[in-house]
Protein backbone atom coordinates (compact mmCIF):
# COMPACT_ATOMS: atom_id res chain seq x y z
CA GLN A 1 6.77 15.88 9.78
CA VAL A 2 6.05 12.27 8.82
CA GLN A 3 8.14 10.25 6.40
CA LEU A 4 6.92 7.11 4.64
CA VAL A 5 9.54 4.87 3.07
CA GLU A 6 8.33 2.17 0.70
CA SER A 7 10.14 -0.89 -0.55
CA GLY A 8 9.43 -4.11 -2.39
CA GLY A 9 8.26 -3.06 -5.83
CA GLY A 10 9.69 -4.49 -9.01
CA LEU A 11 9.06 -6.56 -12.11
CA VAL A 12 7.25 -9.88 -11.86
CA GLN A 13 5.56 -12.26 -14.25
CA ALA A 14 1.81 -12.77 -14.22
CA GLU A 15 0.65 -15.06 -11.40
CA GLY A 16 3.73 -14.10 -9.41
CA SER A 17 3.92 -12.45 -6.00
CA LEU A 18 5.42 -9.34 -4.47
CA ARG A 19 5.42 -7.91 -0.96
CA LEU A 20 5.42 -4.17 -0.40
CA SER A 21 6.52 -2.59 2.87
CA CYS A 22 6.08 0.93 4.16
CA ALA A 23 7.71 2.24 7.31
CA ALA A 24 6.53 5.47 8.90
CA SER A 25 8.85 7.67 10.91
CA GLY A 26 9.01 11.19 12.28
CA SER A 27 6.38 13.04 14.26
CA ILE A 28 3.75 10.31 14.19
CA VAL A 29 0.80 11.14 16.36
CA ARG A 30 -2.28 8.96 16.67
CA ILE A 31 -2.45 7.06 13.41
CA ASN A 32 -5.97 6.27 12.28
CA ALA A 33 -5.18 4.06 9.33
CA MET A 34 -2.51 3.13 6.83
CA GLY A 35 -2.85 1.69 3.40
CA TRP A 36 -1.89 1.53 -0.24
CA TYR A 37 -3.12 3.38 -3.28
CA ARG A 38 -2.03 2.86 -6.87
CA GLN A 39 -1.98 4.89 -10.04
CA ALA A 40 -1.62 3.44 -13.50
CA PRO A 41 -0.68 5.60 -16.50
CA GLY A 42 -3.63 7.70 -17.63
CA LYS A 43 -5.77 6.66 -14.67
CA GLN A 44 -6.74 8.20 -11.35
CA ARG A 45 -5.14 7.13 -8.13
CA GLU A 46 -7.26 4.44 -6.50
CA LEU A 47 -7.41 2.76 -3.12
CA VAL A 48 -5.97 -0.74 -3.10
CA ALA A 49 -6.27 -1.63 0.58
CA SER A 50 -6.30 0.00 3.98
CA ILE A 51 -6.08 -1.10 7.59
CA THR A 52 -7.05 0.76 10.76
CA SER A 53 -5.15 0.80 14.02
CA GLY A 54 -7.68 -1.69 15.30
CA GLY A 55 -7.02 -4.06 12.41
CA SER A 56 -10.12 -3.50 10.28
CA THR A 57 -9.33 -3.91 6.60
CA ASN A 58 -10.79 -2.64 3.36
CA TYR A 59 -9.95 -3.84 -0.14
CA ALA A 60 -10.71 -2.79 -3.67
CA ASP A 61 -12.90 -5.39 -5.34
CA SER A 62 -10.25 -5.95 -8.00
CA VAL A 63 -7.69 -7.19 -5.47
CA ARG A 64 -9.84 -8.88 -2.87
CA ASP A 65 -8.80 -12.52 -2.34
CA ARG A 66 -5.42 -11.85 -4.01
CA PHE A 67 -3.88 -9.12 -1.85
CA THR A 68 -3.50 -9.06 1.92
CA ILE A 69 -2.74 -5.96 3.98
CA SER A 70 -1.22 -6.17 7.44
CA ARG A 71 0.53 -3.87 9.86
CA ASP A 72 2.94 -3.87 12.75
CA ASN A 73 1.75 -1.08 15.04
CA ALA A 74 4.88 -1.22 17.16
CA LYS A 75 7.01 -0.55 14.09
CA ASN A 76 4.54 1.81 12.37
CA THR A 77 4.89 -0.40 9.31
CA VAL A 78 2.29 -1.61 6.84
CA TYR A 79 2.68 -4.48 4.39
CA LEU A 80 0.90 -5.50 1.23
CA GLN A 81 1.25 -9.10 0.14
CA MET A 82 0.28 -9.34 -3.51
CA ASN A 83 -0.37 -12.78 -4.98
CA SER A 84 -1.65 -13.94 -8.35
CA LEU A 85 -0.57 -10.67 -9.89
CA LYS A 86 -2.08 -9.63 -13.19
CA PRO A 87 -0.80 -7.24 -15.86
CA GLU A 88 -3.60 -4.85 -14.88
CA ASP A 89 -2.03 -4.54 -11.43
CA THR A 90 0.84 -2.65 -13.06
CA ALA A 91 1.02 0.79 -11.45
CA VAL A 92 2.92 3.01 -9.09
CA TYR A 93 1.92 2.00 -5.58
CA TYR A 94 1.80 4.71 -2.91
CA CYS A 95 1.82 4.20 0.81
CA TRP A 96 -0.70 6.30 2.72
CA LEU A 97 -1.04 7.24 6.38
CA GLY A 98 -4.04 9.00 7.87
CA THR A 99 -4.18 10.50 11.33
CA ILE A 100 -7.18 10.97 13.58
CA SER A 101 -6.83 14.71 12.99
CA LEU A 102 -7.49 13.98 9.30
CA SER A 103 -3.97 14.71 8.07
CA ASN A 104 -2.79 12.59 5.16
CA TYR A 105 0.74 11.59 4.30
CA TRP A 106 2.08 9.85 1.20
CA GLY A 107 5.15 7.87 0.28
CA GLN A 108 7.19 8.57 -2.83
CA GLY A 109 5.73 5.59 -4.68
CA THR A 110 7.15 2.29 -5.83
CA GLN A 111 6.72 0.83 -9.30
CA VAL A 112 5.07 -2.56 -9.71
CA THR A 113 5.21 -4.03 -13.21
CA VAL A 114 3.51 -7.31 -14.07
CA SER A 115 4.45 -8.86 -17.39
CA SER A 116 2.12 -11.21 -19.27
């Protein structure tokens, strides 16, 4: 069993910044990648950013150059630094962990609200 605990969401004004953290614990075996998805009301869940164990990153076009994903492999923790936030970034952000055996795990979600 793998647990993902997220922190760092909240309310921020447009052009502000937030940093999300996600710590993985439990029976973690051979992580392939970790990342963040988000889901806004009435929309599908979408990938925001991901990072592999080797450090390769992938970003949604809408957040590239504003968000930065990083990870601490020793702590099984992934971070998402979000700068220049826009109202359209408002969503519930979910931490994701994928293993090399293709299992997927999700956090409980953290709300990010950007006011204009």
